[in-house]
C-alpha atoms as a PDB file:
ATOM      1  CA  MET A   1       3.245 -15.738   6.692  1.00  0.00           C
ATOM      2  CA  THR A   2       1.481 -13.980   9.503  1.00  0.00           C
ATOM      3  CA  SER A   3       1.238 -10.340  10.404  1.00  0.00           C
ATOM      4  CA  SER A   4       2.924 -11.102  13.743  1.00  0.00           C
ATOM      5  CA  LEU A   5       6.292 -11.508  12.014  1.00  0.00           C
ATOM      6  CA  GLN A   6       8.257  -8.289  11.797  1.00  0.00           C
ATOM      7  CA  ASN A   7       9.951  -8.903   8.466  1.00  0.00           C
ATOM      8  CA  ARG A   8       8.380  -6.614   5.834  1.00  0.00           C
ATOM      9  CA  VAL A   9      10.526  -3.729   4.592  1.00  0.00           C
ATOM     10  CA  THR A  10       9.187  -0.310   3.575  1.00  0.00           C
ATOM     11  CA  PRO A  11      10.855   2.037   1.055  1.00  0.00           C
ATOM     12  CA  LEU A  12      12.024   4.058   4.069  1.00  0.00           C
ATOM     13  CA  GLY A  13      14.017   1.068   5.285  1.00  0.00           C
ATOM     14  CA  ALA A  14      11.779   0.316   8.268  1.00  0.00           C
ATOM     15  CA  ILE A  15      11.092  -3.332   9.137  1.00  0.00           C
ATOM     16  CA  VAL A  16       7.488  -3.835  10.213  1.00  0.00           C
ATOM     17  CA  ALA A  17       4.807  -6.522  10.573  1.00  0.00           C
ATOM     18  CA  ASN A  18       2.421  -6.810   7.629  1.00  0.00           C
ATOM     19  CA  PRO A  19       0.603  -9.849   6.143  1.00  0.00           C
ATOM     20  CA  ALA A  20       1.205  -8.885   2.492  1.00  0.00           C
ATOM     21  CA  ARG A  21       3.515 -11.166   0.513  1.00  0.00           C
ATOM     22  CA  GLY A  22       6.588  -9.966  -1.352  1.00  0.00           C
ATOM     23  CA  ALA A  23       8.356 -10.737  -4.627  1.00  0.00           C
ATOM     24  CA  TRP A  24      11.833 -10.754  -3.068  1.00  0.00           C
ATOM     25  CA  THR A  25      13.572 -11.683   0.138  1.00  0.00           C
ATOM     26  CA  GLY A  26      16.877 -10.414   1.483  1.00  0.00           C
ATOM     27  CA  ASN A  27      18.695  -9.668   4.692  1.00  0.00           C
ATOM     28  CA  ARG A  28      20.823  -7.367   6.833  1.00  0.00           C
ATOM     29  CA  GLY A  29      22.415 -10.137   8.867  1.00  0.00           C
ATOM     30  CA  ALA A  30      21.188 -11.758  12.080  1.00  0.00           C
ATOM     31  CA  LEU A  31      18.449  -9.522  13.508  1.00  0.00           C
ATOM     32  CA  ALA A  32      16.044 -11.814  15.387  1.00  0.00           C
ATOM     33  CA  LYS A  33      16.075 -12.387  19.143  1.00  0.00           C
ATOM     34  CA  ALA A  34      14.977 -15.585  20.890  1.00  0.00           C
ATOM     35  CA  ASP A  35      11.411 -14.301  21.323  1.00  0.00           C
ATOM     36  CA  GLY A  36      11.039 -13.620  17.579  1.00  0.00           C
ATOM     37  CA  SER A  37      11.353  -9.860  17.849  1.00  0.00           C
ATOM     38  CA  LEU A  38      14.097  -7.844  16.166  1.00  0.00           C
ATOM     39  CA  GLY A  39      17.150  -6.622  17.997  1.00  0.00           C
ATOM     40  CA  PRO A  40      18.699  -3.139  17.729  1.00  0.00           C
ATOM     41  CA  SER A  41      21.316  -4.008  15.094  1.00  0.00           C
ATOM     42  CA  ARG A  42      19.095  -3.713  12.010  1.00  0.00           C
ATOM     43  CA  TRP A  43      20.947  -0.546  10.797  1.00  0.00           C
ATOM     44  CA  LYS A  44      24.429  -1.692  11.805  1.00  0.00           C
ATOM     45  CA  ILE A  45      25.600  -4.100   9.111  1.00  0.00           C
ATOM     46  CA  LYS A  46      26.675  -2.523   5.805  1.00  0.00           C
ATOM     47  CA  ALA A  47      25.713  -5.371   3.454  1.00  0.00           C
ATOM     48  CA  TRP A  48      21.987  -5.005   2.785  1.00  0.00           C
ATOM     49  CA  ILE A  49      21.069  -7.451   0.019  1.00  0.00           C
ATOM     50  CA  THR A  50      18.048  -8.523  -2.031  1.00  0.00           C
ATOM     51  CA  CYS A  51      17.676 -12.219  -2.842  1.00  0.00           C
ATOM     52  CA  VAL A  52      15.400 -14.525  -4.801  1.00  0.00           C
ATOM     53  CA  LEU A  53      12.605 -16.133  -2.787  1.00  0.00           C
ATOM     54  CA  HIS A  54      13.774 -19.681  -3.547  1.00  0.00           C
ATOM     55  CA  TRP A  55      17.389 -20.773  -3.985  1.00  0.00           C
ATOM     56  CA  LYS A  56      18.411 -24.420  -4.475  1.00  0.00           C
ATOM     57  CA  ASN A  57      15.809 -25.739  -2.004  1.00  0.00           C
ATOM     58  CA  ASN A  58      17.385 -23.681   0.784  1.00  0.00           C
ATOM     59  CA  LYS A  59      14.781 -23.028   3.488  1.00  0.00           C
ATOM     60  CA  GLN A  60      15.954 -20.389   5.912  1.00  0.00           C
ATOM     61  CA  PRO A  61      14.139 -20.119   9.291  1.00  0.00           C
ATOM     62  CA  LEU A  62      12.196 -16.866   9.432  1.00  0.00           C
ATOM     63  CA  MET A  63      13.022 -15.702  12.954  1.00  0.00           C
ATOM     64  CA  LYS A  64      15.869 -17.811  14.308  1.00  0.00           C
ATOM     65  CA  PRO A  65      18.549 -16.174  16.481  1.00  0.00           C
ATOM     66  CA  ARG A  66      22.231 -16.221  15.439  1.00  0.00           C
ATOM     67  CA  THR A  67      21.520 -16.711  11.746  1.00  0.00           C
ATOM     68  CA  TRP A  68      20.510 -14.256   9.037  1.00  0.00           C
ATOM     69  CA  THR A  69      16.928 -13.032   9.232  1.00  0.00           C
ATOM     70  CA  PRO A  70      14.877 -13.178   5.982  1.00  0.00           C
ATOM     71  CA  LEU A  71      13.200  -9.888   5.080  1.00  0.00           C
ATOM     72  CA  PHE A  72      10.584  -9.371   2.356  1.00  0.00           C
ATOM     73  CA  PHE A  73       9.889  -6.636  -0.215  1.00  0.00           C
ATOM     74  CA  LEU A  74       6.915  -5.841  -2.469  1.00  0.00           C
ATOM     75  CA  ASP A  75       9.254  -5.486  -5.447  1.00  0.00           C
ATOM     76  CA  GLU A  76      12.849  -4.633  -6.264  1.00  0.00           C
ATOM     77  CA  ALA A  77      12.100  -0.919  -6.536  1.00  0.00           C
ATOM     78  CA  THR A  78      11.051  -1.042  -2.863  1.00  0.00           C
ATOM     79  CA  ALA A  79      14.221  -2.884  -1.865  1.00  0.00           C
ATOM     80  CA  LEU A  80      16.447  -0.452  -3.751  1.00  0.00           C
ATOM     81  CA  ALA A  81      14.699   2.562  -2.213  1.00  0.00           C
ATOM     82  CA  ALA A  82      15.242   1.092   1.264  1.00  0.00           C
ATOM     83  CA  GLY A  83      18.964   0.873   0.522  1.00  0.00           C
ATOM     84  CA  HIS A  84      19.432  -2.772  -0.480  1.00  0.00           C
ATOM     85  CA  ARG A  85      21.326  -4.013  -3.554  1.00  0.00           C
ATOM     86  CA  PRO A  86      21.190  -7.282  -5.543  1.00  0.00           C
ATOM     87  CA  CYS A  87      22.790 -10.303  -3.890  1.00  0.00           C
ATOM     88  CA  ALA A  88      26.105 -11.267  -5.509  1.00  0.00           C
ATOM     89  CA  TYR A  89      25.469 -14.954  -4.805  1.00  0.00           C
ATOM     90  CA  CYS A  90      21.897 -15.933  -5.725  1.00  0.00           C
ATOM     91  CA  ARG A  91      21.480 -12.976  -8.133  1.00  0.00           C
ATOM     92  CA  ARG A  92      24.925 -12.876  -9.708  1.00  0.00           C
ATOM     93  CA  ASP A  93      23.885 -11.449 -13.089  1.00  0.00           C
ATOM     94  CA  PRO A  94      21.716  -8.629 -11.629  1.00  0.00           C
ATOM     95  CA  PHE A  95      24.507  -7.809  -9.181  1.00  0.00           C
ATOM     96  CA  THR A  96      27.012  -7.576 -12.017  1.00  0.00           C
ATOM     97  CA  SER A  97      24.618  -5.355 -13.984  1.00  0.00           C
ATOM     98  CA  TYR A  98      24.147  -3.107 -10.944  1.00  0.00           C
ATOM     99  CA  ALA A  99      27.879  -2.931 -10.268  1.00  0.00           C
ATOM    100  CA  MET A 100      28.665  -2.089 -13.893  1.00  0.00           C
ATOM    101  CA  ALA A 101      25.930   0.568 -13.947  1.00  0.00           C
ATOM    102  CA  THR A 102      27.435   2.269 -10.883  1.00  0.00           C
ATOM    103  CA  ARG A 103      31.006   2.552 -12.187  1.00  0.00           C
ATOM    104  CA  PRO A 104      32.582   5.977 -11.740  1.00  0.00           C
ATOM    105  CA  ALA A 105      32.910   7.923 -14.972  1.00  0.00           C
ATOM    106  CA  GLY A 106      35.941   6.808 -16.976  1.00  0.00           C
ATOM    107  CA  ARG A 107      36.528   3.652 -14.952  1.00  0.00           C
ATOM    108  CA  ALA A 108      36.470   0.296 -16.722  1.00  0.00           C
ATOM    109  CA  GLU A 109      36.330  -1.904 -13.620  1.00  0.00           C
ATOM    110  CA  ARG A 110      33.033  -2.373 -11.797  1.00  0.00           C
ATOM    111  CA  LEU A 111      32.686  -1.665  -8.119  1.00  0.00           C
ATOM    112  CA  ARG A 112      33.250  -4.525  -5.690  1.00  0.00           C
ATOM    113  CA  ALA A 113      30.485  -5.549  -3.289  1.00  0.00           C
ATOM    114  CA  PRO A 114      32.234  -4.081  -0.200  1.00  0.00           C
ATOM    115  CA  ASP A 115      32.673  -0.757  -2.025  1.00  0.00           C
ATOM    116  CA  ILE A 116      28.994  -0.680  -2.959  1.00  0.00           C
ATOM    117  CA  ASP A 117      27.955  -1.583   0.582  1.00  0.00           C
ATOM    118  CA  ALA A 118      30.121   1.137   2.126  1.00  0.00           C
ATOM    119  CA  ARG A 119      28.722   3.755  -0.254  1.00  0.00           C
ATOM    120  CA  LEU A 120      25.090   2.717   0.290  1.00  0.00           C
ATOM    121  CA  HIS A 121      25.598   2.621   4.053  1.00  0.00           C
ATOM    122  CA  ILE A 122      26.501   6.310   4.000  1.00  0.00           C
ATOM    123  CA  GLU A 123      23.727   7.242   1.584  1.00  0.00           C
ATOM    124  CA  ARG A 124      20.864   5.532   3.427  1.00  0.00           C
ATOM    125  CA  LEU A 125      21.601   6.812   6.954  1.00  0.00           C
ATOM    126  CA  GLU A 126      21.094  10.296   8.364  1.00  0.00           C
ATOM    127  CA  GLY A 127      24.451  10.825  10.069  1.00  0.00           C
ATOM    128  CA  THR A 128      24.961   8.456  12.984  1.00  0.00           C
ATOM    129  CA  SER A 129      21.224   8.040  13.578  1.00  0.00           C
ATOM    130  CA  ARG A 130      19.011   5.148  12.514  1.00  0.00           C
ATOM    131  CA  ARG A 131      16.826   7.450  10.426  1.00  0.00           C
ATOM    132  CA  LYS A 132      16.489   7.178   6.661  1.00  0.00           C
ATOM    133  CA  ARG A 133      18.473   9.792   4.780  1.00  0.00           C
ATOM    134  CA  LEU A 134      16.489  11.806   2.249  1.00  0.00           C
ATOM    135  CA  HIS A 135      18.114  13.144  -0.915  1.00  0.00           C
ATOM    136  CA  HIS A 136      16.730  16.201  -2.653  1.00  0.00           C
ATOM    137  CA  MET A 137      16.393  16.710  -6.392  1.00  0.00           C
ATOM    138  CA  GLN A 138      14.101  17.965  -9.134  1.00  0.00           C
ATOM    139  CA  ILE A 139      11.452  15.417 -10.019  1.00  0.00           C
ATOM    140  CA  ASP A 140      12.190  16.016 -13.718  1.00  0.00           C
ATOM    141  CA  ASP A 141      15.702  14.594 -13.170  1.00  0.00           C
ATOM    142  CA  ALA A 142      14.590  11.389 -11.440  1.00  0.00           C
ATOM    143  CA  PRO A 143      14.914   8.138 -13.459  1.00  0.00           C
ATOM    144  CA  ASN A 144      12.263   5.414 -13.692  1.00  0.00           C
ATOM    145  CA  GLY A 145      12.152   3.302 -10.546  1.00  0.00           C
ATOM    146  CA  THR A 146      12.902   6.204  -8.201  1.00  0.00           C
ATOM    147  CA  MET A 147      10.862   6.391  -5.002  1.00  0.00           C
ATOM    148  CA  TYR A 148      10.242   9.567  -3.053  1.00  0.00           C
ATOM    149  CA  LEU A 149       8.437  10.770   0.058  1.00  0.00           C
ATOM    150  CA  ALA A 150       5.798  13.366  -0.805  1.00  0.00           C
ATOM    151  CA  ASP A 151       4.455  16.201   1.325  1.00  0.00           C
ATOM    152  CA  ASP A 152       1.392  14.060   2.115  1.00  0.00           C
ATOM    153  CA  ASP A 153       3.763  11.522   3.790  1.00  0.00           C
ATOM    154  CA  ARG A 154       3.001   8.922   1.139  1.00  0.00           C
ATOM    155  CA  VAL A 155       5.682   7.160  -0.871  1.00  0.00           C
ATOM    156  CA  TYR A 156       5.470   7.365  -4.656  1.00  0.00           C
ATOM    157  CA  LEU A 157       7.161   5.455  -7.464  1.00  0.00           C
ATOM    158  CA  ILE A 158       8.188   7.289 -10.627  1.00  0.00           C
ATOM    159  CA  GLU A 159       7.379   5.458 -13.844  1.00  0.00           C
ATOM    160  CA  ASP A 160       7.797   7.377 -17.107  1.00  0.00           C
ATOM    161  CA  ASP A 161       5.485  10.409 -17.010  1.00  0.00           C
ATOM    162  CA  THR A 162       3.415   9.063 -14.077  1.00  0.00           C
ATOM    163  CA  VAL A 163       3.772   8.455 -10.344  1.00  0.00           C
ATOM    164  CA  LEU A 164       2.109   5.703  -8.304  1.00  0.00           C
ATOM    165  CA  PRO A 165       1.429   5.625  -4.541  1.00  0.00           C
ATOM    166  CA  TRP A 166       3.121   2.674  -2.812  1.00  0.00           C
ATOM    167  CA  SER A 167       1.587   0.229  -0.341  1.00  0.00           C
ATOM    168  CA  PHE A 168       2.539  -3.226   0.987  1.00  0.00           C
ATOM    169  CA  SER A 169      -0.027  -4.869  -1.288  1.00  0.00           C
ATOM    170  CA  GLY A 170       0.861  -2.910  -4.435  1.00  0.00           C
ATOM    171  CA  TYR A 171       0.552   0.488  -6.054  1.00  0.00           C
ATOM    172  CA  GLY A 172      -2.431   2.784  -6.296  1.00  0.00           C
ATOM    173  CA  PRO A 173      -3.756   4.409  -9.485  1.00  0.00           C
ATOM    174  CA  LYS A 174      -1.307   6.313 -11.665  1.00  0.00           C
ATOM    175  CA  VAL A 175      -1.355  10.081 -11.797  1.00  0.00           C
ATOM    176  CA  LEU A 176       0.652  12.414 -14.004  1.00  0.00           C
ATOM    177  CA  ARG A 177       4.152  13.127 -12.791  1.00  0.00           C
ATOM    178  CA  PRO A 178       4.313  16.683 -11.406  1.00  0.00           C
ATOM    179  CA  LYS A 179       6.767  18.997 -13.113  1.00  0.00           C
ATOM    180  CA  GLY A 180       9.273  21.455 -11.731  1.00  0.00           C
ATOM    181  CA  ILE A 181       9.054  20.439  -8.070  1.00  0.00           C
ATOM    182  CA  HIS A 182      11.725  19.348  -5.605  1.00  0.00           C
ATOM    183  CA  ILE A 183      11.217  15.913  -4.065  1.00  0.00           C
ATOM    184  CA  HIS A 184      12.561  14.031  -1.026  1.00  0.00           C
ATOM    185  CA  VAL A 185      14.143  11.006  -2.692  1.00  0.00           C
ATOM    186  CA  LEU A 186      14.387   7.693  -0.830  1.00  0.00           C
ATOM    187  CA  THR A 187      16.400   5.811  -3.462  1.00  0.00           C
ATOM    188  CA  PRO A 188      20.121   6.309  -2.687  1.00  0.00           C
ATOM    189  CA  PRO A 189      22.230   8.305  -5.196  1.00  0.00           C
ATOM    190  CA  LEU A 190      24.344   5.274  -6.127  1.00  0.00           C
ATOM    191  CA  THR A 191      21.212   3.368  -7.087  1.00  0.00           C
ATOM    192  CA  LEU A 192      19.862   6.395  -8.966  1.00  0.00           C
ATOM    193  CA  LEU A 193      23.054   6.241 -11.029  1.00  0.00           C
ATOM    194  CA  ALA A 194      22.404   2.567 -11.757  1.00  0.00           C
ATOM    195  CA  LEU A 195      18.823   3.339 -12.831  1.00  0.00           C
ATOM    196  CA  ARG A 196      19.982   6.164 -15.100  1.00  0.00           C
ATOM    197  CA  ASN A 197      22.503   3.821 -16.675  1.00  0.00           C
ATOM    198  CA  GLY A 198      19.843   1.247 -17.514  1.00  0.00           C
ATOM    199  CA  TYR A 199      19.707  -1.146 -14.569  1.00  0.00           C
ATOM    200  CA  PRO A 200      16.447  -3.092 -15.214  1.00  0.00           C
ATOM    201  CA  VAL A 201      14.699  -2.712 -11.857  1.00  0.00           C
ATOM    202  CA  GLN A 202      11.759  -5.060 -11.248  1.00  0.00           C
ATOM    203  CA  ILE A 203       8.511  -3.234 -10.426  1.00  0.00           C
ATOM    204  CA  ASP A 204       5.394  -4.939  -9.061  1.00  0.00           C
ATOM    205  CA  GLU A 205       3.365  -6.263 -11.987  1.00  0.00           C
ATOM    206  CA  GLY A 206       0.210  -4.663 -10.645  1.00  0.00           C
ATOM    207  CA  ALA A 207       1.698  -1.254 -11.387  1.00  0.00           C
ATOM    208  CA  GLN A 208       1.221  -1.882 -15.085  1.00  0.00           C
ATOM    209  CA  SER A 209      -2.573  -1.997 -14.769  1.00  0.00           C
ATOM    210  CA  ARG A 210      -3.180   0.769 -12.233  1.00  0.00           C
ATOM    211  CA  GLU A 211      -4.476   3.427 -14.590  1.00  0.00           C
END
């Protein structure tokens, strides 16, 4: 992978060029133009998914027009914060777990993929713009795996009683989670519900050693 390819996704949902490798791929449909750049439709499609890097020897071209464009994420927490959800095809069990964890109270049936996509599409966009929608809450109420945008314009991951600054190559050293403050949450409310209900989000392994 080279830094010239615009296929790395940030927790804010932006797609940028960066040489760091990711633990997951995924897509938002066909985004690439003939010259290898991305077209304007990257916020248009509702189904934003997160896939395994390798699936049955399928090798998808990275920047080929008129076919889905592979995107890459540091970890699943990053993908979820950006507004993606588990793929129902190559990640069937995680998708089912996510769908069950987002059921409305008192409902036995899980949400269908189109219902999830429609809900996330609303929650990740600021009105009709292509800007990331921020959700506001007390940091004490945020579940593990939540990502938020701090006043220093850095993105942080919440993990137990600590927070970790995000980057394409991994997380920085842990610091104690602040208490009693309001935060600008990137992770959509539907995904926050899944996290609260025990969805086992994958977090970059390096986060475990960043003391």
